[in-house]
């Protein structure tokens, strides 16, 4: 942790602000007010802590200060019945310690279930969760959705107003209602994780950590559901490779070239335990995905990866979830398993699928198979198609390297 007071406050905001927002929102019933109150608390911390020193428990100080700021704001407004109810809920927390880890964990789950409430459309669910629990800015979310930033800001305001005006409860639903909401919860949580996994900055790692922490809480809440444990395992296996996925220039490092001695062995062991619990409880699409990730993570080398077992898991996954991206990944596994003819046949069957048009991963898979078959000219064309389909500087450098290996260029 940095010794610079301003940087320490910034680090705390990055890692702990979502806990504070969840703690206040769950008592207030208003996400927007909770965000404002927590922002006020951090602004006050930036003013006071460098001068007066840090409190014994900075996270607790933030929550208590945000609660007091929310109370002050409500009292300054014209008081109505609804606002009095909110004030009473906040006042009721005065003698408690909102920084208690178990309470904060429950609050984050409560906020998650409010963000993915069926009254909100799917885009709003994802965007609001990324903002409140993921900590992404509205601009970052707009860029991820490829929409104007003003449009995303309006979408976010409508979603938060919907929670407030429709009095959507910010709490974990009763167990009878959890099952029907679980798919949305696991889907959105994994989307948050992937939003962080796609980058290499500290903020991206924080996003992965937040998603993983909430996934662990979800598994503790629903210990008899295979998908909660599978989600935890899937995230842990991927997160274990975080230090080896890109180089210093941000260029992706291929799985075959990653330094496995730098993979997080503790994370892999924890993922293996979660996967064992999931597999003991049932066989689902998410369990198959986690099993595939585990086969990669636990292989001592790329060459010794159990590729045929991975193909089997993709076959089982296709029985539950027949999607083009699953078929694409299966074709890659077939190629690595030495079943090149089967891989080429699978890719040819995908050629006319609309989702593969302009899909750089499809072109890269085709290029790999062509290289295995000695069809250099076809591999070159496929790599150039992949290059035309990506704007990522790191991915472009990797593809340009492939072309050089074939004695060609991007032109």
Protein backbone atom coordinates (compact mmCIF):
# COMPACT_ATOMS: atom_id res chain seq x y z
CA UNK A 1 0.00 0.00 0.00
CA UNK A 2 1.25 3.49 -0.81
CA UNK A 3 2.55 5.69 2.02
CA UNK A 4 1.28 8.82 0.25
CA UNK A 5 -1.92 9.88 2.13
CA UNK A 6 -3.74 10.96 -1.02
CA UNK A 7 -2.84 7.73 -2.79
CA UNK A 8 -3.94 5.71 0.26
CA UNK A 9 -7.36 7.38 0.14
CA UNK A 10 -7.53 6.66 -3.58
CA UNK A 11 -6.62 3.01 -3.00
CA UNK A 12 -9.33 2.74 -0.35
CA UNK A 13 -11.89 4.30 -2.67
CA UNK A 14 -10.98 1.89 -5.45
CA UNK A 15 -11.19 -1.22 -3.28
CA UNK A 16 -13.80 -0.38 -0.64
CA UNK A 17 -16.24 2.21 -2.00
CA UNK A 18 -18.64 -0.40 -3.37
CA UNK A 19 -18.98 -1.93 0.12
CA UNK A 20 -19.89 1.47 1.53
CA UNK A 21 -22.41 2.18 -1.24
CA UNK A 22 -24.05 -1.19 -0.64
CA UNK A 23 -24.19 -0.60 3.12
CA UNK A 24 -25.92 2.78 2.74
CA UNK A 25 -28.16 1.82 -0.20
CA UNK A 26 -29.52 -1.25 1.58
CA UNK A 27 -30.69 0.95 4.46
CA UNK A 28 -31.77 3.92 2.39
CA UNK A 29 -33.45 2.19 -0.54
CA UNK A 30 -31.90 4.74 -2.90
CA UNK A 31 -28.76 3.90 -4.89
CA UNK A 32 -28.23 7.45 -6.15
CA UNK A 33 -28.32 8.98 -2.67
CA UNK A 34 -26.01 6.27 -1.38
CA UNK A 35 -23.44 7.02 -4.10
CA UNK A 36 -23.63 10.74 -3.34
CA UNK A 37 -23.23 10.16 0.40
CA UNK A 38 -20.20 7.90 -0.07
CA UNK A 39 -18.65 10.43 -2.49
CA UNK A 40 -19.14 13.13 0.17
CA UNK A 41 -17.47 10.91 2.76
CA UNK A 42 -14.42 10.32 0.58
CA UNK A 43 -14.17 14.04 -0.23
CA UNK A 44 -14.10 14.72 3.51
CA UNK A 45 -11.50 11.99 4.00
CA UNK A 46 -9.26 13.62 1.38
CA UNK A 47 -9.52 16.87 3.31
CA UNK A 48 -9.04 15.52 6.84
CA UNK A 49 -6.93 12.37 6.80
CA UNK A 50 -3.73 13.82 5.30
CA UNK A 51 -3.92 16.55 7.96
CA UNK A 52 -5.25 14.70 11.02
CA UNK A 53 -4.06 11.16 10.35
CA UNK A 54 -5.95 8.05 9.29
CA UNK A 55 -8.65 6.59 11.56
CA UNK A 56 -8.13 3.17 13.12
CA UNK A 57 -10.67 1.62 10.71
CA UNK A 58 -10.84 3.78 7.55
CA UNK A 59 -13.57 1.69 5.90
CA UNK A 60 -15.83 1.98 8.97
CA UNK A 61 -15.19 5.74 9.11
CA UNK A 62 -16.33 6.09 5.50
CA UNK A 63 -19.55 4.14 6.09
CA UNK A 64 -20.44 6.04 9.26
CA UNK A 65 -19.62 9.40 7.67
CA UNK A 66 -21.63 8.55 4.56
CA UNK A 67 -24.56 7.55 6.77
CA UNK A 68 -24.38 10.86 8.61
CA UNK A 69 -24.15 12.81 5.36
CA UNK A 70 -27.22 10.98 4.01
CA UNK A 71 -29.13 11.79 7.21
CA UNK A 72 -28.15 15.46 6.97
CA UNK A 73 -29.32 15.66 3.35
CA UNK A 74 -32.68 14.09 4.11
CA UNK A 75 -33.23 16.39 7.09
CA UNK A 76 -32.47 19.45 4.98
CA UNK A 77 -35.15 18.48 2.45
CA UNK A 78 -38.86 18.87 2.86
CA UNK A 79 -39.77 15.89 4.98
CA UNK A 80 -42.41 13.49 3.73
CA UNK A 81 -43.51 10.08 4.94
CA UNK A 82 -41.20 8.22 2.59
CA UNK A 83 -38.19 10.33 3.59
CA UNK A 84 -39.01 9.88 7.25
CA UNK A 85 -38.98 6.11 6.68
CA UNK A 86 -35.56 6.37 5.08
CA UNK A 87 -34.29 8.53 7.90
CA UNK A 88 -35.54 6.02 10.45
CA UNK A 89 -33.73 3.19 8.68
CA UNK A 90 -30.48 5.16 8.74
CA UNK A 91 -30.93 6.25 12.35
CA UNK A 92 -31.44 2.62 13.31
CA UNK A 93 -27.85 1.88 12.26
CA UNK A 94 -26.34 4.51 14.56
CA UNK A 95 -25.30 2.13 17.33
CA UNK A 96 -24.04 -0.57 14.96
CA UNK A 97 -20.73 -0.89 13.16
CA UNK A 98 -21.57 -0.90 9.44
CA UNK A 99 -18.05 -2.02 8.60
CA UNK A 100 -18.68 -5.49 10.00
CA UNK A 101 -17.48 -7.77 7.22
CA UNK A 102 -20.43 -10.15 7.30
CA UNK A 103 -22.94 -7.29 7.16
CA UNK A 104 -21.12 -5.66 4.28
CA UNK A 105 -21.03 -8.91 2.43
CA UNK A 106 -24.78 -9.29 2.78
CA UNK A 107 -25.23 -5.70 1.68
CA UNK A 108 -23.29 -6.25 -1.51
CA UNK A 109 -25.39 -9.28 -2.33
CA UNK A 110 -28.51 -7.28 -1.50
CA UNK A 111 -27.44 -4.51 -3.89
CA UNK A 112 -26.59 -7.07 -6.57
CA UNK A 113 -30.06 -8.60 -6.41
CA UNK A 114 -31.63 -5.13 -6.61
CA UNK A 115 -29.54 -4.29 -9.69
CA UNK A 116 -30.66 -7.46 -11.50
CA UNK A 117 -34.31 -7.18 -10.45
CA UNK A 118 -36.69 -8.38 -13.21
CA UNK A 119 -38.29 -4.92 -13.33
CA UNK A 120 -35.10 -3.66 -15.01
CA UNK A 121 -34.19 -4.63 -18.56
CA UNK A 122 -31.05 -6.68 -19.11
CA UNK A 123 -28.86 -3.81 -20.39
CA UNK A 124 -29.85 -1.70 -17.39
CA UNK A 125 -29.13 -4.61 -15.05
CA UNK A 126 -25.63 -5.07 -16.41
CA UNK A 127 -24.82 -1.36 -16.59
CA UNK A 128 -26.06 -0.61 -13.09
CA UNK A 129 -24.19 -3.56 -11.60
CA UNK A 130 -20.99 -2.51 -13.36
CA UNK A 131 -21.42 0.98 -11.93
CA UNK A 132 -22.46 0.22 -8.34
CA UNK A 133 -20.60 -2.99 -7.61
CA UNK A 134 -17.95 -2.98 -10.30
CA UNK A 135 -16.94 0.62 -9.71
CA UNK A 136 -16.68 1.45 -13.42
CA UNK A 137 -17.42 5.02 -14.44
CA UNK A 138 -20.42 5.82 -16.60
CA UNK A 139 -18.05 6.73 -19.45
CA UNK A 140 -16.27 3.36 -19.21
CA UNK A 141 -19.60 1.51 -19.28
CA UNK A 142 -20.80 3.57 -22.25
CA UNK A 143 -17.65 2.63 -24.15
CA UNK A 144 -18.19 -1.05 -23.30
CA UNK A 145 -21.77 -0.89 -24.61
CA UNK A 146 -20.75 1.18 -27.67
CA UNK A 147 -23.35 3.83 -26.89
CA UNK A 148 -23.00 7.61 -26.42
CA UNK A 149 -22.02 8.57 -22.89
CA UNK A 150 -25.08 10.79 -22.48
CA UNK A 151 -27.28 7.83 -23.42
CA UNK A 152 -25.64 5.64 -20.80
CA UNK A 153 -25.95 8.37 -18.16
CA UNK A 154 -29.69 8.63 -18.84
CA UNK A 155 -30.05 4.84 -18.75
CA UNK A 156 -28.30 4.74 -15.39
CA UNK A 157 -30.48 7.49 -13.93
CA UNK A 158 -33.65 5.72 -15.07
CA UNK A 159 -32.53 2.44 -13.54
CA UNK A 160 -31.69 4.00 -10.17
CA UNK A 161 -34.94 5.97 -10.17
CA UNK A 162 -36.82 2.74 -10.92
CA UNK A 163 -35.32 1.08 -7.85
CA UNK A 164 -36.22 4.09 -5.71
CA UNK A 165 -39.69 4.88 -7.08
CA UNK A 166 -40.88 1.28 -7.42
CA UNK A 167 -39.45 0.56 -3.98
CA UNK A 168 -37.50 -2.41 -5.28
CA UNK A 169 -36.15 -3.97 -2.10
CA UNK A 170 -32.38 -3.81 -1.69
CA UNK A 171 -32.12 -7.15 0.03
CA UNK A 172 -31.40 -10.78 -0.71
CA UNK A 173 -34.67 -12.42 -1.83
CA UNK A 174 -36.27 -15.25 0.10
CA UNK A 175 -34.77 -18.63 -0.73
CA UNK A 176 -37.90 -19.64 -2.67
CA UNK A 177 -37.30 -16.75 -5.07
CA UNK A 178 -33.53 -17.15 -5.35
CA UNK A 179 -33.60 -19.97 -7.90
CA UNK A 180 -35.39 -18.02 -10.62
CA UNK A 181 -32.99 -15.08 -10.19
CA UNK A 182 -29.79 -17.11 -9.99
CA UNK A 183 -29.09 -17.28 -13.73
CA UNK A 184 -29.23 -13.50 -14.04
CA UNK A 185 -26.99 -13.09 -11.00
CA UNK A 186 -24.30 -15.50 -12.19
CA UNK A 187 -24.42 -14.08 -15.72
CA UNK A 188 -23.98 -10.48 -14.60
CA UNK A 189 -21.27 -11.38 -12.09
CA UNK A 190 -19.29 -13.17 -14.77
CA UNK A 191 -19.72 -10.20 -17.11
CA UNK A 192 -18.24 -7.96 -14.40
CA UNK A 193 -15.33 -10.35 -14.00
CA UNK A 194 -14.74 -10.44 -17.76
CA UNK A 195 -14.84 -6.64 -17.94
CA UNK A 196 -11.85 -6.64 -15.62
CA UNK A 197 -10.19 -9.69 -17.14
CA UNK A 198 -10.05 -8.00 -20.53
CA UNK A 199 -7.64 -5.34 -19.20
CA UNK A 200 -4.29 -5.24 -17.49
CA UNK A 201 -4.44 -2.13 -15.28
CA UNK A 202 -4.70 -2.24 -11.48
CA UNK A 203 -8.30 -1.08 -11.80
CA UNK A 204 -9.07 -4.12 -13.96
CA UNK A 205 -7.63 -6.46 -11.34
CA UNK A 206 -9.73 -4.69 -8.71
CA UNK A 207 -12.81 -5.35 -10.81
CA UNK A 208 -11.97 -9.06 -11.01
CA UNK A 209 -11.38 -9.15 -7.27
CA UNK A 210 -14.76 -7.52 -6.55
CA UNK A 211 -16.58 -9.97 -8.79
CA UNK A 212 -14.77 -12.91 -7.21
CA UNK A 213 -15.50 -11.71 -3.67
CA UNK A 214 -19.22 -11.47 -4.44
CA UNK A 215 -19.19 -14.87 -6.18
CA UNK A 216 -17.70 -16.39 -3.01
CA UNK A 217 -20.44 -14.74 -0.93
CA UNK A 218 -23.04 -16.14 -3.33
CA UNK A 219 -21.61 -19.65 -2.94
CA UNK A 220 -21.79 -19.26 0.84
CA UNK A 221 -25.39 -18.09 0.55
CA UNK A 222 -26.38 -21.04 -1.69
CA UNK A 223 -24.04 -23.89 -0.70
CA UNK A 224 -26.25 -26.57 -2.30
CA UNK A 225 -26.32 -25.03 -5.78
CA UNK A 226 -23.68 -26.29 -8.23
CA UNK A 227 -23.61 -23.09 -10.27
CA UNK A 228 -22.52 -20.86 -7.38
CA UNK A 229 -19.48 -23.05 -6.72
CA UNK A 230 -18.79 -23.43 -10.45
CA UNK A 231 -18.81 -19.67 -10.88
CA UNK A 232 -16.33 -19.26 -8.04
CA UNK A 233 -14.10 -21.97 -9.52
CA UNK A 234 -14.26 -20.49 -13.03
CA UNK A 235 -13.23 -17.05 -11.78
CA UNK A 236 -10.43 -18.43 -9.59
CA UNK A 237 -8.91 -20.49 -12.41
CA UNK A 238 -8.86 -17.48 -14.75
CA UNK A 239 -7.70 -15.04 -12.07
CA UNK A 240 -4.79 -17.35 -11.19
CA UNK A 241 -3.19 -16.42 -14.55
CA UNK A 242 -3.58 -12.65 -14.13
CA UNK A 243 0.16 -11.92 -13.81
CA UNK A 244 1.08 -13.70 -17.05
CA UNK A 245 -1.63 -12.73 -19.51
CA UNK A 246 -0.03 -9.61 -21.02
CA UNK A 247 3.50 -8.28 -21.32
CA UNK A 248 4.74 -4.84 -20.34
CA UNK A 249 3.46 -3.33 -23.59
CA UNK A 250 -0.02 -4.75 -23.11
CA UNK A 251 0.46 -7.41 -25.78
CA UNK A 252 -1.45 -10.61 -24.95
CA UNK A 253 0.72 -13.58 -24.02
CA UNK A 254 -0.67 -16.78 -25.50
CA UNK A 255 -1.64 -19.55 -23.12
CA UNK A 256 1.06 -21.77 -24.64
CA UNK A 257 3.70 -19.13 -23.87
CA UNK A 258 2.65 -18.08 -20.36
CA UNK A 259 5.07 -18.74 -17.48
CA UNK A 260 3.11 -21.27 -15.43
CA UNK A 261 5.48 -20.91 -12.49
CA UNK A 262 3.95 -17.45 -12.01
CA UNK A 263 0.39 -18.73 -11.91
CA UNK A 264 -1.21 -18.35 -8.49
CA UNK A 265 -1.09 -21.89 -7.04
CA UNK A 266 -3.21 -20.90 -4.01
CA UNK A 267 -5.94 -19.59 -6.29
CA UNK A 268 -5.83 -22.78 -8.38
CA UNK A 269 -6.15 -24.97 -5.27
CA UNK A 270 -9.11 -22.92 -4.07
CA UNK A 271 -10.67 -23.16 -7.53
CA UNK A 272 -10.18 -26.93 -7.51
CA UNK A 273 -11.99 -27.23 -4.17
CA UNK A 274 -14.86 -25.11 -5.45
CA UNK A 275 -15.03 -27.20 -8.64
CA UNK A 276 -15.11 -30.44 -6.62
CA UNK A 277 -18.07 -29.07 -4.65
CA UNK A 278 -19.84 -28.05 -7.86
CA UNK A 279 -19.34 -31.40 -9.60
CA UNK A 280 -20.57 -33.26 -6.52
CA UNK A 281 -23.82 -31.28 -6.66
CA UNK A 282 -24.67 -31.67 -10.34
CA UNK A 283 -23.77 -31.24 -13.99
CA UNK A 284 -24.64 -27.86 -15.52
CA UNK A 285 -23.31 -25.67 -18.30
CA UNK A 286 -21.39 -23.58 -15.79
CA UNK A 287 -19.90 -26.70 -14.21
CA UNK A 288 -18.63 -27.81 -17.64
CA UNK A 289 -17.12 -24.36 -18.27
CA UNK A 290 -15.38 -24.42 -14.90
CA UNK A 291 -14.10 -27.93 -15.56
CA UNK A 292 -12.55 -26.78 -18.85
CA UNK A 293 -10.87 -23.85 -17.09
CA UNK A 294 -9.62 -26.24 -14.41
CA UNK A 295 -8.10 -28.61 -16.97
CA UNK A 296 -6.14 -25.67 -18.37
CA UNK A 297 -5.12 -24.28 -14.98
CA UNK A 298 -3.95 -27.58 -13.52
CA UNK A 299 -1.97 -28.77 -16.56
CA UNK A 300 1.78 -28.60 -15.79
CA UNK A 301 2.48 -27.50 -19.37
CA UNK A 302 0.60 -26.58 -22.52
CA UNK A 303 1.75 -29.77 -24.24
CA UNK A 304 0.46 -31.95 -21.40
CA UNK A 305 -3.00 -30.36 -21.35
CA UNK A 306 -5.75 -32.98 -21.47
CA UNK A 307 -7.16 -31.73 -24.78
CA UNK A 308 -9.38 -34.76 -25.43
CA UNK A 309 -10.95 -34.33 -21.99
CA UNK A 310 -11.55 -30.68 -22.86
CA UNK A 311 -13.25 -31.73 -26.11
CA UNK A 312 -15.47 -34.08 -24.08
CA UNK A 313 -16.44 -31.22 -21.78
CA UNK A 314 -17.29 -29.04 -24.78
CA UNK A 315 -19.46 -31.87 -26.13
CA UNK A 316 -21.30 -32.01 -22.81
CA UNK A 317 -21.62 -28.22 -22.79
CA UNK A 318 -23.07 -28.22 -26.30
CA UNK A 319 -25.77 -30.64 -25.15
CA UNK A 320 -26.93 -27.94 -22.70
CA UNK A 321 -25.94 -24.80 -24.56
CA UNK A 322 -25.47 -25.09 -28.31
CA UNK A 323 -23.89 -21.75 -29.20
CA UNK A 324 -21.48 -20.77 -32.02
CA UNK A 325 -18.80 -19.59 -29.56
CA UNK A 326 -18.85 -22.99 -27.84
CA UNK A 327 -18.47 -24.73 -31.21
CA UNK A 328 -15.59 -22.38 -32.07
CA UNK A 329 -13.77 -23.17 -28.81
CA UNK A 330 -14.38 -26.87 -29.33
CA UNK A 331 -12.80 -26.69 -32.79
CA UNK A 332 -9.66 -25.14 -31.28
CA UNK A 333 -9.51 -27.91 -28.67
CA UNK A 334 -9.87 -30.50 -31.45
CA UNK A 335 -6.92 -28.99 -33.30
CA UNK A 336 -4.73 -29.00 -30.18
CA UNK A 337 -5.76 -32.60 -29.53
CA UNK A 338 -4.27 -33.50 -32.91
CA UNK A 339 -7.67 -34.04 -34.54
CA UNK A 340 -6.99 -31.49 -37.28
CA UNK A 341 -9.42 -32.94 -39.83
CA UNK A 342 -12.24 -32.80 -37.28
CA UNK A 343 -11.23 -29.25 -36.37
CA UNK A 344 -11.31 -28.10 -40.00
CA UNK A 345 -14.70 -29.72 -40.56
CA UNK A 346 -16.08 -27.99 -37.44
CA UNK A 347 -14.76 -24.62 -38.60
CA UNK A 348 -16.18 -25.08 -42.08
CA UNK A 349 -19.61 -25.71 -40.56
CA UNK A 350 -19.28 -22.39 -38.70
CA UNK A 351 -18.25 -20.40 -41.78
CA UNK A 352 -21.76 -19.25 -42.64
CA UNK A 353 -22.79 -18.37 -39.08
CA UNK A 354 -23.45 -14.60 -38.85
CA UNK A 355 -21.65 -14.34 -35.51
CA UNK A 356 -18.42 -15.53 -37.11
CA UNK A 357 -18.34 -12.79 -39.73
CA UNK A 358 -15.74 -10.31 -38.61
CA UNK A 359 -14.88 -12.48 -35.59
CA UNK A 360 -11.10 -12.36 -35.21
CA UNK A 361 -11.06 -15.48 -33.00
CA UNK A 362 -12.70 -17.46 -35.79
CA UNK A 363 -10.09 -16.32 -38.30
CA UNK A 364 -7.24 -17.08 -35.88
CA UNK A 365 -8.63 -20.60 -35.33
CA UNK A 366 -8.82 -21.12 -39.08
CA UNK A 367 -5.26 -19.86 -39.50
CA UNK A 368 -3.99 -22.28 -36.85
CA UNK A 369 -5.60 -25.25 -38.59
CA UNK A 370 -4.27 -24.12 -41.98
CA UNK A 371 -0.77 -23.88 -40.50
CA UNK A 372 -1.08 -27.39 -39.10
CA UNK A 373 -1.98 -28.60 -42.56
CA UNK A 374 0.86 -26.71 -44.25
CA UNK A 375 -1.50 -24.36 -46.11
CA UNK A 376 0.59 -21.22 -45.62
CA UNK A 377 -1.26 -19.03 -48.14
CA UNK A 378 -4.64 -19.81 -46.54
CA UNK A 379 -3.21 -19.20 -43.06
CA UNK A 380 -1.84 -15.84 -44.22
CA UNK A 381 -5.24 -14.78 -45.56
CA UNK A 382 -6.92 -15.84 -42.32
CA UNK A 383 -4.47 -13.87 -40.17
CA UNK A 384 -4.97 -10.79 -42.35
CA UNK A 385 -8.74 -11.15 -41.94
CA UNK A 386 -8.26 -11.36 -38.17
CA UNK A 387 -6.05 -8.27 -38.27
CA UNK A 388 -8.72 -6.36 -40.16
CA UNK A 389 -11.26 -7.35 -37.52
CA UNK A 390 -9.43 -5.98 -34.47
CA UNK A 391 -8.47 -2.51 -33.29
CA UNK A 392 -6.64 -3.65 -30.15
CA UNK A 393 -2.97 -2.61 -30.44
CA UNK A 394 -1.84 -5.63 -28.42
CA UNK A 395 -3.83 -8.11 -30.50
CA UNK A 396 -2.59 -6.46 -33.69
CA UNK A 397 1.03 -6.91 -32.57
CA UNK A 398 0.40 -10.60 -31.93
CA UNK A 399 -1.21 -11.11 -35.34
CA UNK A 400 1.57 -9.22 -37.07
CA UNK A 401 4.06 -11.56 -35.38
CA UNK A 402 2.15 -14.57 -36.74
CA UNK A 403 2.34 -13.12 -40.23
CA UNK A 404 6.09 -12.56 -39.90
CA UNK A 405 6.49 -16.18 -38.85
CA UNK A 406 4.83 -17.12 -42.13
CA UNK A 407 7.16 -14.84 -44.04
CA UNK A 408 4.46 -12.29 -44.73
CA UNK A 409 3.35 -8.85 -43.57
CA UNK A 410 0.07 -7.19 -42.70
CA UNK A 411 -0.06 -5.39 -46.06
